[in-house]
Each structure stands twice: as C-alpha cells, then as structure tokens.
C-alpha cells in the first residue's frame, strides 16, 4: 500500500472507544532533565516514556475517523493505527506502522514541529493538551530498536538498474531506502566525512540522538545501499560522470550556505557561521573535515543573530559551552518566530536572553581586529510583508551596543550558488534552488531528479523526506519504462 493510499483510506470506527471518556483522561509528558543539569551535558533534554505511561498517553487518542493528524503529516503516518496498537501493548506493531511511511521515525519524533503538524491538528487538542504524538513515535521506535530492531527486509532480486543520490540527509535517505527495497542499486554520495547530512552535522546532540543516525546507516548498508563519503559532486566527481555511470540521479544536497548579514567584518575572528559553530561545538574532531577541527575558544559573551530553529540550536549550544552570557538578537517579536515554541522555552530555562525587536547595524572590532560587540537598533512592527508577517521598521535614535567575544550568524540557509557551475544546464530559480515538477521531482534534465532543501529552501526534515518519497516513486517508474 502506498503512502497516498494509507493517507486516503477510511479509518475504522472502533465501537469500543468511548470518545467522551477519553477526552477526560489526563495528559502525560515524559520527564526532562532540569535546566541546571542539562546545560552541563549534551544529552537529550527529554527522557523516553516508560511503557505504562506511553500506553496511558496513547489511550487519549479518540481514534476519530477523520484523522486530521494523518492529513497534517507530510509523509502520511497512520497515527491512530499506531497509537491503537501502542495502547494495547503492541509496541513492536506500533513501531512498524510508523515505519510503513517513514524511514526516520526515531528522528521525526524528536525533530518535527508536531505543534504545527500532527499535534496541531489533533482533535483532543481542542479541549486539552493534544496527544503527545511525537514523543510516542520516539518511544515506540526506540523500544523496538532496544528489543531486536525492526524486521529485516525480505531479499529482492536485483533489477540491474542503479541510482546515484547526492546527499545523505533526510531526502537522500527517504529516496535510497525504497529504491533499495525495490531491487535497485542505490549509491549515496556525501561531502562530509560521515553520512547523515543535517541529521549528524546540523542538529545538536541534545535534540537528536546521534547513535540513531549511525544505526540508520548500518541498516541501509545491510539493505544494500552504498555510501561514499568525503566526496563533493561537482568538485571531486563531475555530475556528468554520475549521469553516465548511473541510470538516474537524485540531487538531495540541501541548502548548506549560511546567509549573510551583508555587514562589514563578517569574516573577522570571533564571527561564526551557524554550521561551523554547531559542528565544532557538537562533534569530535575526527568526524569533521580538517579545516574545521580546531576547537572553539572559550567564550564569555555569545551573541546569536536569527530567529529560527538553527538560532535556538546555537544559543543552547553556547549555554553548554559555559558562556557567561548568551543573547539572541531577533528583529521581530516572539509571535513572528518560525522555530518551535518548545525550543524557545528550553532556551529561556537555560538562561538565554532574548532581545526582540532588535536588528544588527554594525560588527564592532577590538584593536586586534577581533569581534568585541554588535551595534543594534530597536525596531517596531509595520505592515505585513510578502510572507504575511509584520515588517520590522527601525526606531530612530534607538541604537545600542552589546558586548560579544563570539558572534554567531544564524539568519538562514541558501542553496550553494556553485551548483550553477556544477550543473549549468539544470534550471534554477533566483535563489539558486532547483526547479522541479512538484509531483515527480523531475528537473529539466533527463534522468536527473531533485528534492529537499535544494528545492524548497531550508525546511523541515519531514518535508525533505516527502520529496524523497515522491522522487523514489518517480524514479522507479522511469527505470521501468524509460519515459521522461
């Protein structure tokens, strides 16, 4: 059954479900590390549910036949079906339901903005806290991993066809696995020294269980997926070579270039791009390219500019680096921030200072040319811009300075413009993103598909996975009939 069929099929009415009674059941959330404790380590903030509490929380699902949670999930997880099995103690079966539509349920349970997706559309949430779908997804799949792991894939005869996948992040994984299960040879090329893309190199340990990333690639290898690391397509291997050597190519290299403030001195000592800061803070040197292996210096005053999830990752990493003061500069108010509310709550608990309605004007340097601070200006909200959010406007005469011996720029990510040289024949938009057919993920170049952040701009793990699914389905049709 395809993901679309799972998403569209009618949900069974369960006659033994007393929905009114379930709406009165108390909500349950897993325990968390106390802020003073967790800033002293890099472990995940939330603990897993215990079995009894997970079952009790799953029972709060009223099994509504409309299942808006499924419709809100970009990959169409059968959430009521999984939670029905979970509440009856079939943890293994519940995990397998999540795995029907997701290659990364352990990660999505931790990383998806459930408050905007499944939980944000949970009917229970109209009366009380929504069912903790993300935490339950993580519980079931981690329980399964601890009790024998997911069932092995049945052997499939080789099709004799091959696909090169550029990028080992969520889109690449979500494309490679179904192709391998269909008998096609899938080879992933990754520029970083180890596979995982943003899952390994972009998300801190306190949000993402890194052993789960390594485990995923062991499972992919067992399935027959090949992974080639430390290899940048367009630099180490021309894209044209992949087109000659493989029957199809899927470009899933993401949006990796940190956006700039366009202020003087952005390359001064003490000024960091978000990715450089995060990987050096979170990963051991042996997992990094040689140019990034120097440890970060001790920091007293860290200022982060930005307002999304990456900026929260940066401020919370700085707190764990024992900075004396960590400040976030954001030009709008909290209401306009696009990251997760839970992450902001965690950051506040961990001592981060939020300077809302403030925008950077100048990077200040000391006598040796290193950053010493940031000059900012107060803002006020004006009319909505093209995104629908109120446009920030400067308040005259409101300049102020903030001390900083480390300045982190977390103002978004762009697609690497160099792909205009690596693949000049592929149509891109003015932001250098690949232009694809939204249903098939086909580019204008025969046999070349694209998906993930290099098409959407910096977006969610789960939306990148959805692109990988669409690309895999289209590639399978292409390999079967050769029609473009």
Protein backbone atom coordinates (compact mmCIF):
# COMPACT_ATOMS: atom_id res chain seq x y z
CA UNK A 1 0.00 0.00 0.00
CA UNK A 2 1.38 3.38 -1.00
CA UNK A 3 1.66 6.35 1.35
CA UNK A 4 -1.11 8.08 -0.58
CA UNK A 5 -3.41 5.08 -0.13
CA UNK A 6 -2.64 4.94 3.59
CA UNK A 7 -3.34 8.66 3.90
CA UNK A 8 -6.63 8.41 1.97
CA UNK A 9 -8.09 5.14 3.26
CA UNK A 10 -11.08 5.43 5.62
CA UNK A 11 -10.20 4.88 9.25
CA UNK A 12 -12.12 2.11 11.01
CA UNK A 13 -14.73 3.09 13.54
CA UNK A 14 -13.79 1.35 16.76
CA UNK A 15 -17.06 0.60 18.57
CA UNK A 16 -15.31 0.02 21.88
CA UNK A 17 -13.91 3.57 22.01
CA UNK A 18 -15.72 5.90 24.40
CA UNK A 19 -14.53 9.20 22.95
CA UNK A 20 -16.13 11.38 25.61
CA UNK A 21 -14.44 9.39 28.36
CA UNK A 22 -11.10 9.57 26.59
CA UNK A 23 -11.29 13.33 26.37
CA UNK A 24 -11.31 13.40 30.18
CA UNK A 25 -8.12 11.34 30.54
CA UNK A 26 -5.14 13.30 31.93
CA UNK A 27 -2.27 14.20 29.65
CA UNK A 28 1.18 12.70 30.15
CA UNK A 29 4.57 14.03 29.09
CA UNK A 30 7.98 12.39 29.58
CA UNK A 31 10.29 13.72 32.25
CA UNK A 32 13.06 16.17 31.34
CA UNK A 33 16.48 16.99 32.68
CA UNK A 34 16.42 20.06 34.91
CA UNK A 35 17.92 23.13 33.18
CA UNK A 36 20.82 23.42 35.64
CA UNK A 37 21.70 19.79 34.97
CA UNK A 38 21.28 19.63 31.22
CA UNK A 39 23.43 22.70 30.48
CA UNK A 40 26.28 20.66 31.95
CA UNK A 41 25.92 17.88 29.37
CA UNK A 42 24.95 17.31 25.74
CA UNK A 43 22.38 14.59 26.41
CA UNK A 44 18.81 14.78 25.17
CA UNK A 45 16.57 17.02 27.25
CA UNK A 46 13.57 14.67 27.33
CA UNK A 47 13.69 11.13 28.62
CA UNK A 48 11.71 8.40 26.88
CA UNK A 49 8.29 7.45 28.18
CA UNK A 50 8.12 4.34 30.33
CA UNK A 51 5.85 1.61 28.97
CA UNK A 52 2.88 2.22 31.28
CA UNK A 53 2.87 5.99 30.74
CA UNK A 54 3.22 5.59 26.97
CA UNK A 55 0.17 3.31 26.90
CA UNK A 56 -1.81 5.74 29.06
CA UNK A 57 -0.95 8.67 26.78
CA UNK A 58 -1.79 6.67 23.64
CA UNK A 59 -5.20 5.91 25.11
CA UNK A 60 -6.01 9.62 24.95
CA UNK A 61 -6.26 9.28 21.14
CA UNK A 62 -10.00 9.22 20.42
CA UNK A 63 -9.50 7.34 17.12
CA UNK A 64 -11.52 9.92 15.20
CA UNK A 65 -12.43 8.60 11.74
CA UNK A 66 -11.43 11.85 10.02
CA UNK A 67 -7.87 11.53 11.38
CA UNK A 68 -6.72 15.12 10.70
CA UNK A 69 -3.36 14.17 12.22
CA UNK A 70 -2.69 11.92 9.23
CA UNK A 71 -3.60 14.65 6.76
CA UNK A 72 -1.29 17.08 8.58
CA UNK A 73 1.69 14.71 8.41
CA UNK A 74 3.76 15.34 5.25
CA UNK A 75 4.51 11.60 4.96
CA UNK A 76 1.02 10.42 5.95
CA UNK A 77 1.81 8.44 9.10
CA UNK A 78 -1.15 6.31 10.24
CA UNK A 79 -1.03 7.82 13.71
CA UNK A 80 -4.35 6.45 15.07
CA UNK A 81 -3.41 2.96 13.89
CA UNK A 82 -0.03 3.13 15.61
CA UNK A 83 -1.46 4.52 18.84
CA UNK A 84 -4.20 1.87 18.92
CA UNK A 85 -1.55 -0.85 18.88
CA UNK A 86 0.57 1.05 21.39
CA UNK A 87 -2.22 1.45 23.95
CA UNK A 88 -2.86 -2.31 23.73
CA UNK A 89 0.79 -3.08 24.44
CA UNK A 90 1.90 -4.00 20.91
CA UNK A 91 4.90 -1.64 20.84
CA UNK A 92 6.58 -3.55 18.05
CA UNK A 93 3.49 -3.37 15.86
CA UNK A 94 3.09 0.34 16.58
CA UNK A 95 6.66 0.99 15.51
CA UNK A 96 6.10 -0.94 12.29
CA UNK A 97 3.06 1.20 11.48
CA UNK A 98 5.22 4.32 11.73
CA UNK A 99 7.87 2.63 9.57
CA UNK A 100 5.32 1.98 6.81
CA UNK A 101 5.51 5.63 5.84
CA UNK A 102 8.72 6.92 7.42
CA UNK A 103 12.34 5.88 7.13
CA UNK A 104 13.24 8.10 10.08
CA UNK A 105 10.56 7.81 12.79
CA UNK A 106 13.13 7.99 15.61
CA UNK A 107 14.31 11.32 14.22
CA UNK A 108 10.91 12.73 13.23
CA UNK A 109 9.52 12.01 16.69
CA UNK A 110 12.28 14.24 18.06
CA UNK A 111 12.58 16.89 15.38
CA UNK A 112 9.23 17.52 13.70
CA UNK A 113 7.33 20.63 14.79
CA UNK A 114 4.40 18.50 15.91
CA UNK A 115 2.61 21.57 17.25
CA UNK A 116 2.26 22.75 13.63
CA UNK A 117 1.67 19.32 12.09
CA UNK A 118 0.04 16.25 13.65
CA UNK A 119 -0.43 17.55 17.20
CA UNK A 120 -1.54 20.93 15.93
CA UNK A 121 -4.43 19.19 14.17
CA UNK A 122 -5.21 16.69 16.95
CA UNK A 123 -8.91 16.89 17.85
CA UNK A 124 -8.07 16.23 21.51
CA UNK A 125 -6.13 19.49 21.44
CA UNK A 126 -9.37 21.41 21.03
CA UNK A 127 -10.28 20.56 24.63
CA UNK A 128 -6.96 19.84 26.33
CA UNK A 129 -3.30 19.19 25.54
CA UNK A 130 -3.03 17.29 22.25
CA UNK A 131 -1.88 13.70 22.35
CA UNK A 132 1.95 13.65 22.58
CA UNK A 133 2.30 12.04 19.17
CA UNK A 134 5.96 12.91 18.62
CA UNK A 135 7.08 11.58 21.99
CA UNK A 136 5.06 8.38 21.42
CA UNK A 137 6.58 7.90 17.95
CA UNK A 138 10.03 8.17 19.50
CA UNK A 139 9.11 5.78 22.32
CA UNK A 140 7.75 3.02 20.06
CA UNK A 141 10.62 3.07 17.59
CA UNK A 142 13.33 3.29 20.25
CA UNK A 143 11.59 0.46 22.19
CA UNK A 144 11.70 -1.62 19.04
CA UNK A 145 15.39 -0.87 18.47
CA UNK A 146 16.13 -1.98 22.05
CA UNK A 147 14.15 -5.23 21.62
CA UNK A 148 15.57 -6.75 18.47
CA UNK A 149 15.15 -3.95 15.96
CA UNK A 150 12.79 -3.61 13.00
CA UNK A 151 12.10 -6.72 10.90
CA UNK A 152 14.74 -7.31 8.23
CA UNK A 153 13.81 -6.62 4.66
CA UNK A 154 12.92 -9.59 2.51
CA UNK A 155 15.55 -10.32 -0.17
CA UNK A 156 14.71 -8.71 -3.51
CA UNK A 157 16.26 -9.74 -6.85
CA UNK A 158 18.50 -7.11 -8.38
CA UNK A 159 16.87 -5.05 -11.09
CA UNK A 160 20.22 -4.36 -12.71
CA UNK A 161 19.48 -0.63 -12.54
CA UNK A 162 21.37 1.94 -10.48
CA UNK A 163 20.71 5.36 -8.98
CA UNK A 164 23.20 7.92 -7.65
CA UNK A 165 21.93 10.01 -4.74
CA UNK A 166 23.78 13.23 -3.94
CA UNK A 167 23.38 13.96 -0.24
CA UNK A 168 22.84 11.68 2.75
CA UNK A 169 20.35 13.78 4.66
CA UNK A 170 16.62 13.10 5.07
CA UNK A 171 15.71 13.46 1.38
CA UNK A 172 18.57 11.19 0.30
CA UNK A 173 17.70 8.55 2.90
CA UNK A 174 13.99 8.65 2.04
CA UNK A 175 14.81 8.09 -1.64
CA UNK A 176 17.56 5.49 -1.23
CA UNK A 177 15.70 3.08 1.05
CA UNK A 178 12.61 2.44 -1.13
CA UNK A 179 14.82 2.16 -4.21
CA UNK A 180 16.98 -0.46 -2.50
CA UNK A 181 13.88 -2.33 -1.31
CA UNK A 182 12.75 -2.44 -4.95
CA UNK A 183 16.00 -4.11 -6.01
CA UNK A 184 17.75 -1.09 -7.48
CA UNK A 185 21.37 -0.30 -6.64
CA UNK A 186 21.40 2.95 -4.63
CA UNK A 187 24.69 4.78 -4.07
CA UNK A 188 24.74 7.84 -1.79
CA UNK A 189 27.47 10.47 -2.20
CA UNK A 190 28.17 12.70 0.82
CA UNK A 191 30.57 15.65 1.07
CA UNK A 192 31.04 15.35 4.86
CA UNK A 193 33.37 12.69 6.34
CA UNK A 194 30.41 10.68 7.70
CA UNK A 195 26.88 10.18 6.39
CA UNK A 196 23.79 11.79 7.83
CA UNK A 197 23.82 15.31 6.44
CA UNK A 198 21.89 17.71 8.66
CA UNK A 199 20.90 14.86 11.00
CA UNK A 200 24.52 14.46 12.05
CA UNK A 201 26.15 17.80 11.24
CA UNK A 202 23.33 20.30 11.65
CA UNK A 203 21.37 19.24 14.74
CA UNK A 204 22.88 19.22 18.24
CA UNK A 205 23.08 16.12 20.41
CA UNK A 206 20.58 17.46 22.95
CA UNK A 207 17.89 17.36 20.26
CA UNK A 208 18.98 14.45 18.10
CA UNK A 209 20.19 11.05 19.28
CA UNK A 210 23.35 10.71 17.17
CA UNK A 211 23.71 6.93 17.69
CA UNK A 212 20.33 6.63 15.96
CA UNK A 213 21.84 8.26 12.85
CA UNK A 214 24.75 5.81 12.74
CA UNK A 215 22.33 2.93 13.33
CA UNK A 216 20.21 4.06 10.39
CA UNK A 217 23.17 3.86 8.04
CA UNK A 218 24.09 0.41 9.31
CA UNK A 219 20.56 -0.65 8.43
CA UNK A 220 20.82 0.97 4.99
CA UNK A 221 24.13 -0.78 4.38
CA UNK A 222 22.55 -4.11 5.33
CA UNK A 223 19.82 -3.33 2.79
CA UNK A 224 22.48 -2.89 0.11
CA UNK A 225 22.72 0.90 -0.01
CA UNK A 226 26.29 2.06 -0.68
CA UNK A 227 27.66 5.26 0.87
CA UNK A 228 30.63 7.25 -0.46
CA UNK A 229 31.77 9.99 1.95
CA UNK A 230 34.18 12.94 1.71
CA UNK A 231 33.19 13.31 -1.93
CA UNK A 232 31.73 16.54 -3.27
CA UNK A 233 29.89 16.13 -6.54
CA UNK A 234 30.87 18.90 -8.93
CA UNK A 235 34.32 19.15 -7.34
CA UNK A 236 35.66 15.63 -6.79
CA UNK A 237 33.38 13.94 -9.33
CA UNK A 238 31.58 15.80 -12.13
CA UNK A 239 27.81 15.46 -12.21
CA UNK A 240 28.11 14.39 -15.85
CA UNK A 241 30.09 11.34 -14.70
CA UNK A 242 27.23 10.24 -12.46
CA UNK A 243 24.83 10.69 -15.37
CA UNK A 244 26.99 8.38 -17.49
CA UNK A 245 27.55 5.74 -14.81
CA UNK A 246 24.03 5.53 -13.34
CA UNK A 247 20.56 5.11 -14.79
CA UNK A 248 19.21 8.03 -12.74
CA UNK A 249 20.48 10.72 -10.37
CA UNK A 250 18.68 12.26 -7.38
CA UNK A 251 20.08 15.59 -6.18
CA UNK A 252 19.44 15.97 -2.44
CA UNK A 253 22.37 18.16 -1.39
CA UNK A 254 20.26 20.56 0.67
CA UNK A 255 20.66 24.26 1.40
CA UNK A 256 24.08 24.44 3.01
CA UNK A 257 25.29 28.01 2.62
CA UNK A 258 24.72 30.20 5.66
CA UNK A 259 23.10 33.50 4.74
CA UNK A 260 24.99 36.69 5.50
CA UNK A 261 24.06 39.96 7.20
CA UNK A 262 25.85 41.94 4.50
CA UNK A 263 27.73 43.97 7.10
CA UNK A 264 31.46 44.75 7.13
CA UNK A 265 33.71 42.45 9.19
CA UNK A 266 31.59 39.29 8.87
CA UNK A 267 34.82 37.33 8.40
CA UNK A 268 36.56 38.78 11.47
CA UNK A 269 37.92 36.44 14.17
CA UNK A 270 35.13 35.51 16.56
CA UNK A 271 32.36 35.68 13.93
CA UNK A 272 30.95 32.26 13.05
CA UNK A 273 28.51 30.85 10.54
CA UNK A 274 25.92 28.69 12.30
CA UNK A 275 27.07 25.37 10.80
CA UNK A 276 30.74 25.98 11.62
CA UNK A 277 29.80 26.89 15.19
CA UNK A 278 27.45 23.93 15.68
CA UNK A 279 29.67 21.19 14.28
CA UNK A 280 32.73 22.36 16.22
CA UNK A 281 30.65 22.57 19.40
CA UNK A 282 28.84 19.26 19.00
CA UNK A 283 31.09 16.81 17.20
CA UNK A 284 34.52 15.31 17.89
CA UNK A 285 37.32 16.40 15.62
CA UNK A 286 37.59 13.03 13.87
CA UNK A 287 34.10 13.48 12.42
CA UNK A 288 34.96 16.85 10.88
CA UNK A 289 36.88 17.97 7.81
CA UNK A 290 40.44 19.00 8.68
CA UNK A 291 39.64 22.70 8.18
CA UNK A 292 37.05 22.54 10.98
CA UNK A 293 38.97 20.52 13.56
CA UNK A 294 40.33 23.40 15.63
CA UNK A 295 38.38 23.55 18.92
CA UNK A 296 36.26 26.57 19.66
CA UNK A 297 37.93 29.02 22.04
CA UNK A 298 36.50 29.79 25.46
CA UNK A 299 33.64 32.29 25.17
CA UNK A 300 32.23 34.73 27.72
CA UNK A 301 29.62 36.73 25.82
CA UNK A 302 27.95 34.96 22.90
CA UNK A 303 25.52 36.82 20.67
CA UNK A 304 23.44 34.91 18.11
CA UNK A 305 21.53 36.67 15.34
CA UNK A 306 18.47 34.85 14.00
CA UNK A 307 15.01 33.62 14.83
CA UNK A 308 14.58 30.03 13.64
CA UNK A 309 15.40 26.60 14.99
CA UNK A 310 19.06 26.93 13.99
CA UNK A 311 19.42 30.02 16.15
CA UNK A 312 17.94 28.08 19.08
CA UNK A 313 20.47 25.30 18.44
CA UNK A 314 23.24 27.89 18.56
CA UNK A 315 22.20 29.67 21.75
CA UNK A 316 21.59 26.40 23.56
CA UNK A 317 24.95 25.04 22.41
CA UNK A 318 26.60 28.22 23.68
CA UNK A 319 24.98 27.66 27.07
CA UNK A 320 26.58 24.21 27.15
CA UNK A 321 29.93 25.73 26.23
CA UNK A 322 29.68 27.57 29.57
CA UNK A 323 29.40 31.07 28.14
CA UNK A 324 28.67 33.58 30.92
CA UNK A 325 26.00 35.35 28.88
CA UNK A 326 24.15 34.18 25.77
CA UNK A 327 21.93 36.64 23.90
CA UNK A 328 19.66 36.19 20.89
CA UNK A 329 19.01 39.17 18.60
CA UNK A 330 15.78 38.96 16.59
CA UNK A 331 14.21 41.78 14.60
CA UNK A 332 10.57 40.83 15.21
CA UNK A 333 8.66 39.60 18.27
CA UNK A 334 8.28 36.05 19.54
CA UNK A 335 4.90 35.82 17.79
CA UNK A 336 6.64 36.06 14.39
CA UNK A 337 9.37 33.50 15.11
CA UNK A 338 9.18 30.44 12.87
CA UNK A 339 11.01 27.95 15.08
CA UNK A 340 9.49 25.64 17.68
CA UNK A 341 7.98 27.15 20.82
CA UNK A 342 9.37 24.25 22.85
CA UNK A 343 12.91 25.16 21.80
CA UNK A 344 12.43 28.78 22.88
CA UNK A 345 11.05 27.61 26.20
CA UNK A 346 14.08 25.38 26.71
CA UNK A 347 16.43 28.24 25.80
CA UNK A 348 14.82 30.59 28.33
CA UNK A 349 15.05 27.90 31.00
CA UNK A 350 18.74 27.58 30.18
CA UNK A 351 19.40 31.28 30.76
CA UNK A 352 19.39 32.66 27.22
CA UNK A 353 18.49 36.36 26.99
CA UNK A 354 16.13 37.29 24.13
CA UNK A 355 16.43 40.74 22.60
CA UNK A 356 13.31 41.03 20.47
CA UNK A 357 12.65 43.89 18.05
CA UNK A 358 16.36 44.48 17.52
CA UNK A 359 18.39 44.38 14.33
CA UNK A 360 22.19 44.41 13.84
CA UNK A 361 23.74 47.54 12.36
CA UNK A 362 27.49 47.00 12.71
CA UNK A 363 30.01 44.41 13.88
CA UNK A 364 32.40 46.06 16.34
CA UNK A 365 36.08 45.06 16.47
CA UNK A 366 38.78 45.44 19.10
CA UNK A 367 42.29 46.78 18.50
CA UNK A 368 43.43 43.37 17.23
CA UNK A 369 40.65 43.10 14.68
CA UNK A 370 38.56 40.51 16.55
CA UNK A 371 34.88 40.94 17.32
CA UNK A 372 34.13 42.82 20.54
CA UNK A 373 30.44 43.55 20.13
CA UNK A 374 27.43 44.29 17.99
CA UNK A 375 25.74 47.63 17.41
CA UNK A 376 21.97 47.18 17.06
CA UNK A 377 18.88 49.27 16.53
CA UNK A 378 15.44 48.88 18.07
CA UNK A 379 12.64 48.00 15.67
CA UNK A 380 8.86 48.29 15.59
CA UNK A 381 6.40 46.26 13.53
CA UNK A 382 4.81 47.82 10.49
CA UNK A 383 2.64 46.48 7.69
CA UNK A 384 2.82 42.78 6.70
CA UNK A 385 5.46 41.79 4.14
CA UNK A 386 5.14 39.18 1.36
CA UNK A 387 5.28 36.36 3.95
CA UNK A 388 2.32 37.78 5.85
CA UNK A 389 4.43 38.70 8.89
CA UNK A 390 4.64 42.28 10.11
CA UNK A 391 7.57 44.07 8.54
CA UNK A 392 10.11 45.40 11.08
CA UNK A 393 10.89 49.12 10.82
CA UNK A 394 13.75 50.96 12.57
CA UNK A 395 13.04 53.22 15.52
CA UNK A 396 15.06 56.45 15.05
CA UNK A 397 17.62 57.21 17.74
CA UNK A 398 17.37 53.76 19.34
CA UNK A 399 20.85 52.40 18.73
CA UNK A 400 22.52 50.31 21.42
CA UNK A 401 25.60 48.12 21.75
CA UNK A 402 26.00 44.66 23.19
CA UNK A 403 29.35 43.09 24.14
CA UNK A 404 30.35 39.90 22.33
CA UNK A 405 33.55 37.91 22.05
CA UNK A 406 31.67 35.45 19.83
CA UNK A 407 29.05 36.38 17.23
CA UNK A 408 27.08 33.60 15.52
CA UNK A 409 25.11 34.30 12.34
CA UNK A 410 22.05 32.05 12.16
CA UNK A 411 19.95 34.03 9.73
CA UNK A 412 19.01 31.24 7.35
CA UNK A 413 20.49 28.98 4.70
CA UNK A 414 20.75 29.28 0.94
CA UNK A 415 21.46 26.75 -1.78
CA UNK A 416 25.11 26.80 -2.83
CA UNK A 417 25.31 29.05 -5.90
CA UNK A 418 28.24 26.93 -7.15
CA UNK A 419 25.71 24.39 -8.43
CA UNK A 420 25.20 26.83 -11.27
CA UNK A 421 28.71 25.80 -12.34
CA UNK A 422 28.44 22.12 -11.39
CA UNK A 423 25.16 21.66 -13.26
CA UNK A 424 24.73 24.67 -15.59
CA UNK A 425 22.03 23.00 -17.69
CA UNK A 426 19.64 22.41 -14.80
CA UNK A 427 17.05 25.16 -14.39
CA UNK A 428 17.22 27.00 -11.06
CA UNK A 429 15.27 29.91 -9.62
CA UNK A 430 16.66 33.27 -8.48
CA UNK A 431 17.55 31.76 -5.08
CA UNK A 432 19.61 29.04 -6.85
CA UNK A 433 17.05 26.37 -5.89
CA UNK A 434 16.38 23.57 -8.37
CA UNK A 435 13.18 23.87 -10.36
CA UNK A 436 11.37 20.53 -10.42
CA UNK A 437 7.99 19.06 -11.23
CA UNK A 438 6.33 19.02 -7.78
CA UNK A 439 4.72 15.62 -8.35
CA UNK A 440 7.65 13.70 -9.83
CA UNK A 441 10.61 15.84 -8.67
CA UNK A 442 11.99 15.75 -12.22
CA UNK A 443 14.38 18.50 -13.27
CA UNK A 444 14.54 19.68 -16.86
CA UNK A 445 17.45 17.29 -17.43
CA UNK A 446 16.53 13.74 -18.41
CA UNK A 447 17.21 11.21 -15.67
CA UNK A 448 18.01 13.85 -13.04
CA UNK A 449 15.64 14.42 -10.13
CA UNK A 450 15.90 16.83 -7.19
CA UNK A 451 14.31 17.26 -3.79
CA UNK A 452 14.63 18.50 -0.23
CA UNK A 453 16.04 21.84 0.84
CA UNK A 454 17.76 22.41 -2.51
CA UNK A 455 14.23 22.70 -3.95
CA UNK A 456 12.24 24.12 -1.02
CA UNK A 457 14.86 26.22 0.70
CA UNK A 458 15.71 25.44 4.32
CA UNK A 459 12.71 23.49 5.57
CA UNK A 460 11.74 20.53 7.76
CA UNK A 461 13.24 17.05 7.96
CA UNK A 462 9.83 15.57 7.19
CA UNK A 463 9.18 17.74 4.11
CA UNK A 464 12.56 16.69 2.73
CA UNK A 465 11.55 13.07 3.35
CA UNK A 466 8.29 13.61 1.49
CA UNK A 467 10.28 14.87 -1.50
CA UNK A 468 12.49 11.78 -1.29
CA UNK A 469 9.40 9.56 -1.38
CA UNK A 470 8.00 11.32 -4.45
CA UNK A 471 11.36 11.12 -6.20
CA UNK A 472 11.76 7.40 -5.42
CA UNK A 473 8.31 6.62 -6.82
CA UNK A 474 9.01 8.62 -9.99
CA UNK A 475 12.48 7.07 -10.40
CA UNK A 476 11.01 3.57 -10.15
CA UNK A 477 8.56 4.40 -12.96
CA UNK A 478 11.34 5.95 -15.01
CA UNK A 479 13.59 2.93 -14.59
CA UNK A 480 10.70 0.62 -15.55
CA UNK A 481 9.56 2.30 -18.77
CA UNK A 482 12.28 4.81 -19.67
CA UNK A 483 9.70 7.54 -20.29
CA UNK A 484 10.54 11.07 -19.22
